[in-house]
N, C-alpha and C. Protein backbone atom coordinates (compact mmCIF):
# COMPACT_ATOMS: atom_id res chain seq x y z
N MET A 1 -14.50 6.29 16.02
CA MET A 1 -14.32 6.64 14.64
C MET A 1 -13.82 5.44 13.86
N PRO A 2 -14.37 5.21 12.71
CA PRO A 2 -13.92 4.08 11.89
C PRO A 2 -12.58 4.37 11.22
N SER A 3 -11.87 3.30 10.90
CA SER A 3 -10.56 3.43 10.27
C SER A 3 -10.59 2.81 8.88
N ILE A 4 -9.89 3.43 7.98
CA ILE A 4 -9.68 2.89 6.64
C ILE A 4 -8.17 2.82 6.44
N TYR A 5 -7.70 1.72 5.93
CA TYR A 5 -6.27 1.53 5.70
C TYR A 5 -5.97 1.83 4.24
N GLN A 6 -4.85 2.52 4.00
CA GLN A 6 -4.49 2.92 2.65
C GLN A 6 -3.03 2.56 2.40
N ALA A 7 -2.80 1.83 1.33
CA ALA A 7 -1.44 1.53 0.88
C ALA A 7 -1.21 2.29 -0.41
N TYR A 8 -0.06 2.95 -0.53
CA TYR A 8 0.20 3.74 -1.74
C TYR A 8 1.69 3.77 -2.04
N TYR A 9 2.00 3.97 -3.31
CA TYR A 9 3.38 4.12 -3.75
C TYR A 9 3.42 5.02 -4.96
N ARG A 10 4.58 5.59 -5.20
CA ARG A 10 4.76 6.51 -6.32
C ARG A 10 5.04 5.71 -7.58
N GLY A 11 4.20 5.87 -8.59
CA GLY A 11 4.39 5.18 -9.85
C GLY A 11 5.54 5.76 -10.65
N SER A 12 6.07 4.99 -11.57
CA SER A 12 7.23 5.45 -12.34
C SER A 12 6.87 6.54 -13.34
N LYS A 13 5.68 6.48 -13.91
CA LYS A 13 5.32 7.45 -14.95
C LYS A 13 4.25 8.43 -14.51
N SER A 14 3.23 7.94 -13.83
CA SER A 14 2.12 8.86 -13.54
C SER A 14 1.62 8.69 -12.12
N GLY A 15 1.79 9.71 -11.34
CA GLY A 15 1.16 9.86 -10.03
C GLY A 15 1.36 8.76 -9.01
N TRP A 16 0.43 8.75 -8.08
CA TRP A 16 0.43 7.79 -6.98
C TRP A 16 -0.56 6.68 -7.26
N TYR A 17 -0.19 5.46 -6.89
CA TYR A 17 -1.11 4.33 -6.97
C TYR A 17 -1.55 3.98 -5.55
N ARG A 18 -2.86 3.80 -5.36
CA ARG A 18 -3.40 3.59 -4.02
C ARG A 18 -4.25 2.33 -3.97
N HIS A 19 -4.29 1.75 -2.77
CA HIS A 19 -5.17 0.60 -2.48
C HIS A 19 -5.80 0.86 -1.12
N HIS A 20 -7.14 0.85 -1.06
CA HIS A 20 -7.86 1.12 0.18
C HIS A 20 -8.57 -0.13 0.65
N GLY A 21 -8.86 -0.18 1.93
CA GLY A 21 -9.66 -1.26 2.48
C GLY A 21 -9.88 -1.07 3.97
N THR A 22 -10.81 -1.82 4.51
CA THR A 22 -11.10 -1.73 5.94
C THR A 22 -10.38 -2.83 6.71
N SER A 23 -9.80 -3.79 6.03
CA SER A 23 -9.08 -4.88 6.67
C SER A 23 -7.58 -4.60 6.63
N ARG A 24 -6.98 -4.51 7.81
CA ARG A 24 -5.55 -4.22 7.90
C ARG A 24 -4.72 -5.33 7.26
N VAL A 25 -5.12 -6.58 7.49
CA VAL A 25 -4.36 -7.72 7.00
C VAL A 25 -4.33 -7.75 5.47
N SER A 26 -5.48 -7.52 4.85
CA SER A 26 -5.53 -7.58 3.38
C SER A 26 -4.76 -6.43 2.74
N VAL A 27 -4.82 -5.25 3.34
CA VAL A 27 -4.09 -4.11 2.78
C VAL A 27 -2.59 -4.31 2.93
N GLU A 28 -2.13 -4.84 4.08
CA GLU A 28 -0.70 -5.10 4.26
C GLU A 28 -0.21 -6.20 3.31
N ALA A 29 -1.03 -7.22 3.08
CA ALA A 29 -0.64 -8.29 2.16
C ALA A 29 -0.52 -7.75 0.74
N GLU A 30 -1.44 -6.90 0.33
CA GLU A 30 -1.38 -6.30 -1.00
C GLU A 30 -0.17 -5.39 -1.12
N ALA A 31 0.15 -4.63 -0.08
CA ALA A 31 1.30 -3.74 -0.10
C ALA A 31 2.60 -4.54 -0.21
N ARG A 32 2.70 -5.65 0.51
CA ARG A 32 3.90 -6.49 0.44
C ARG A 32 4.06 -7.08 -0.96
N ARG A 33 2.95 -7.52 -1.55
CA ARG A 33 3.00 -8.11 -2.89
C ARG A 33 3.44 -7.07 -3.92
N VAL A 34 2.91 -5.86 -3.82
CA VAL A 34 3.27 -4.79 -4.77
C VAL A 34 4.74 -4.41 -4.61
N ALA A 35 5.23 -4.34 -3.37
CA ALA A 35 6.64 -4.00 -3.15
C ALA A 35 7.55 -5.08 -3.72
N LYS A 36 7.14 -6.35 -3.62
CA LYS A 36 7.96 -7.43 -4.17
C LYS A 36 8.00 -7.40 -5.69
N THR A 37 6.90 -7.05 -6.32
CA THR A 37 6.85 -7.09 -7.79
C THR A 37 7.40 -5.82 -8.43
N THR A 38 7.17 -4.64 -7.82
CA THR A 38 7.60 -3.39 -8.45
C THR A 38 8.97 -2.93 -8.01
N GLY A 39 9.40 -3.31 -6.80
CA GLY A 39 10.68 -2.86 -6.29
C GLY A 39 10.65 -1.44 -5.80
N MET A 40 9.47 -0.93 -5.43
CA MET A 40 9.33 0.43 -4.93
C MET A 40 8.85 0.38 -3.48
N GLU A 41 9.16 1.44 -2.72
CA GLU A 41 8.71 1.52 -1.33
C GLU A 41 7.21 1.78 -1.29
N VAL A 42 6.49 0.97 -0.51
CA VAL A 42 5.04 1.09 -0.39
C VAL A 42 4.71 1.50 1.04
N PHE A 43 3.92 2.56 1.20
CA PHE A 43 3.55 3.09 2.50
C PHE A 43 2.16 2.62 2.87
N VAL A 44 1.93 2.32 4.16
CA VAL A 44 0.62 1.92 4.65
C VAL A 44 0.23 2.90 5.76
N ASP A 45 -0.91 3.57 5.60
CA ASP A 45 -1.40 4.55 6.58
C ASP A 45 -2.75 4.14 7.12
N VAL A 46 -3.09 4.67 8.29
CA VAL A 46 -4.42 4.51 8.88
C VAL A 46 -5.12 5.85 8.77
N LEU A 47 -6.27 5.87 8.13
CA LEU A 47 -7.04 7.10 7.97
C LEU A 47 -8.27 7.04 8.88
N GLU A 48 -8.48 8.09 9.66
CA GLU A 48 -9.66 8.19 10.50
C GLU A 48 -10.70 9.02 9.74
N VAL A 49 -11.91 8.51 9.62
CA VAL A 49 -12.97 9.22 8.90
C VAL A 49 -14.09 9.57 9.86
N ASP A 50 -14.95 10.51 9.44
CA ASP A 50 -16.03 10.98 10.31
C ASP A 50 -17.03 9.89 10.61
N LYS A 51 -17.62 9.35 9.59
CA LYS A 51 -18.62 8.30 9.76
C LYS A 51 -18.50 7.32 8.60
N PRO A 52 -18.86 6.08 8.82
CA PRO A 52 -18.74 5.10 7.73
C PRO A 52 -19.84 5.27 6.70
N SER A 53 -19.51 5.87 5.58
CA SER A 53 -20.49 6.01 4.51
C SER A 53 -19.76 5.93 3.18
N MET A 54 -20.49 5.61 2.15
CA MET A 54 -19.91 5.52 0.83
C MET A 54 -19.45 6.90 0.35
N LYS A 55 -20.16 7.93 0.74
CA LYS A 55 -19.79 9.28 0.33
C LYS A 55 -18.41 9.67 0.90
N SER A 56 -18.16 9.37 2.17
CA SER A 56 -16.87 9.72 2.77
C SER A 56 -15.74 8.90 2.15
N LEU A 57 -16.00 7.63 1.81
CA LEU A 57 -14.98 6.81 1.17
C LEU A 57 -14.64 7.34 -0.21
N ILE A 58 -15.64 7.75 -0.99
CA ILE A 58 -15.41 8.30 -2.32
C ILE A 58 -14.64 9.62 -2.23
N GLU A 59 -14.94 10.44 -1.21
CA GLU A 59 -14.20 11.68 -1.03
C GLU A 59 -12.73 11.41 -0.71
N LEU A 60 -12.47 10.37 0.09
CA LEU A 60 -11.08 10.00 0.38
C LEU A 60 -10.36 9.53 -0.87
N LEU A 61 -11.08 8.75 -1.70
CA LEU A 61 -10.47 8.28 -2.94
C LEU A 61 -10.17 9.43 -3.90
N ASN A 62 -10.95 10.49 -3.81
CA ASN A 62 -10.75 11.66 -4.68
C ASN A 62 -9.86 12.70 -4.02
N THR A 63 -8.97 12.26 -3.15
CA THR A 63 -7.93 13.05 -2.49
C THR A 63 -8.45 14.10 -1.53
N ALA A 64 -9.63 13.92 -0.94
CA ALA A 64 -10.03 14.78 0.16
C ALA A 64 -9.20 14.41 1.38
N GLN A 65 -8.98 15.34 2.26
CA GLN A 65 -8.14 15.09 3.43
C GLN A 65 -8.94 14.38 4.52
N PRO A 66 -8.40 13.29 5.08
CA PRO A 66 -9.07 12.63 6.20
C PRO A 66 -8.90 13.44 7.48
N LYS A 67 -9.64 13.06 8.52
CA LYS A 67 -9.52 13.75 9.80
C LYS A 67 -8.13 13.60 10.37
N SER A 68 -7.58 12.40 10.32
CA SER A 68 -6.20 12.20 10.75
C SER A 68 -5.59 11.07 9.93
N ARG A 69 -4.29 11.12 9.79
CA ARG A 69 -3.55 10.12 9.03
C ARG A 69 -2.32 9.75 9.85
N LYS A 70 -2.17 8.45 10.13
CA LYS A 70 -1.02 7.97 10.89
C LYS A 70 -0.31 6.90 10.08
N ARG A 71 1.01 6.95 10.06
CA ARG A 71 1.80 5.94 9.35
C ARG A 71 1.80 4.66 10.16
N LEU A 72 1.36 3.59 9.56
CA LEU A 72 1.34 2.28 10.21
C LEU A 72 2.67 1.56 9.97
N CYS A 73 3.07 1.45 8.71
CA CYS A 73 4.33 0.80 8.36
C CYS A 73 4.64 1.11 6.90
N SER A 74 5.78 0.65 6.46
CA SER A 74 6.12 0.72 5.04
C SER A 74 6.93 -0.52 4.69
N PHE A 75 6.85 -0.91 3.43
CA PHE A 75 7.57 -2.08 2.93
C PHE A 75 8.66 -1.58 1.99
N VAL A 76 9.91 -1.85 2.36
CA VAL A 76 11.06 -1.34 1.63
C VAL A 76 11.78 -2.49 0.95
N PRO A 77 11.95 -2.44 -0.38
CA PRO A 77 12.74 -3.46 -1.06
C PRO A 77 14.21 -3.31 -0.70
N LYS A 78 14.89 -4.43 -0.54
CA LYS A 78 16.32 -4.37 -0.20
C LYS A 78 17.10 -5.30 -1.11
N GLY A 79 18.34 -4.94 -1.35
CA GLY A 79 19.21 -5.76 -2.19
C GLY A 79 18.87 -5.67 -3.66
N SER A 80 19.33 -6.64 -4.39
CA SER A 80 19.08 -6.68 -5.83
C SER A 80 17.94 -7.65 -6.11
N PRO A 81 17.32 -7.56 -7.28
CA PRO A 81 16.21 -8.44 -7.59
C PRO A 81 16.62 -9.91 -7.66
N VAL A 82 15.68 -10.77 -7.30
CA VAL A 82 15.90 -12.21 -7.30
C VAL A 82 15.03 -12.80 -8.40
N ASN A 83 15.57 -13.72 -9.17
CA ASN A 83 14.78 -14.38 -10.21
C ASN A 83 14.04 -15.57 -9.60
N GLU A 84 12.73 -15.62 -9.78
CA GLU A 84 11.92 -16.72 -9.30
C GLU A 84 11.14 -17.32 -10.46
N LEU A 85 10.94 -18.62 -10.40
CA LEU A 85 10.20 -19.33 -11.44
C LEU A 85 8.74 -19.43 -11.02
N GLU A 86 7.83 -18.81 -11.80
CA GLU A 86 6.40 -18.84 -11.54
C GLU A 86 5.67 -19.24 -12.82
N ASP A 87 4.96 -20.33 -12.79
CA ASP A 87 4.18 -20.80 -13.93
C ASP A 87 5.04 -20.97 -15.19
N GLY A 88 6.26 -21.45 -15.01
CA GLY A 88 7.14 -21.69 -16.15
C GLY A 88 7.84 -20.45 -16.67
N GLU A 89 7.67 -19.29 -16.01
CA GLU A 89 8.32 -18.05 -16.43
C GLU A 89 9.23 -17.56 -15.32
N ILE A 90 10.32 -16.95 -15.71
CA ILE A 90 11.22 -16.36 -14.73
C ILE A 90 10.82 -14.89 -14.54
N LYS A 91 10.55 -14.53 -13.27
CA LYS A 91 10.14 -13.17 -12.95
C LYS A 91 11.09 -12.59 -11.91
N LYS A 92 11.34 -11.29 -12.00
CA LYS A 92 12.16 -10.61 -11.02
C LYS A 92 11.30 -10.21 -9.83
N THR A 93 11.75 -10.55 -8.64
CA THR A 93 11.10 -10.08 -7.42
C THR A 93 12.18 -9.58 -6.47
N TRP A 94 11.79 -8.71 -5.56
CA TRP A 94 12.72 -8.15 -4.59
C TRP A 94 12.42 -8.72 -3.21
N ARG A 95 13.44 -8.77 -2.39
CA ARG A 95 13.23 -9.08 -0.98
C ARG A 95 12.67 -7.83 -0.33
N VAL A 96 11.75 -8.01 0.60
CA VAL A 96 11.06 -6.87 1.20
C VAL A 96 11.25 -6.89 2.71
N LYS A 97 11.50 -5.71 3.27
CA LYS A 97 11.62 -5.57 4.71
C LYS A 97 10.51 -4.64 5.20
N LYS A 98 9.81 -5.06 6.27
CA LYS A 98 8.75 -4.25 6.85
C LYS A 98 9.37 -3.27 7.84
N LYS A 99 9.08 -1.99 7.66
CA LYS A 99 9.63 -0.95 8.51
C LYS A 99 8.48 -0.27 9.24
N THR A 100 8.45 -0.38 10.57
CA THR A 100 7.41 0.28 11.35
C THR A 100 7.94 1.61 11.86
N SER A 101 7.01 2.54 12.06
CA SER A 101 7.46 3.85 12.52
C SER A 101 6.90 4.21 13.86
């Protein structure tokens, strides 16, 4: 069975924000970046799907239930925000800790 990786976090104003992909490395990198910039806990799950097709991927994106869902890890911000200089601007970022389950 093919696997799809999903990173998601609860937005401050509206619903859940999700990022899907078939590459574990790219989804974890995106989840770490989002946790550093937003300061929210980001969860990464492995979704097992029936067969690799565009229809099944679209159904997953539209909140259909996958065959199985396993928690891979989560990225938890810790401490207080740190000011970093990026492109001449000071931006707040958080330190992030990877928590496996």
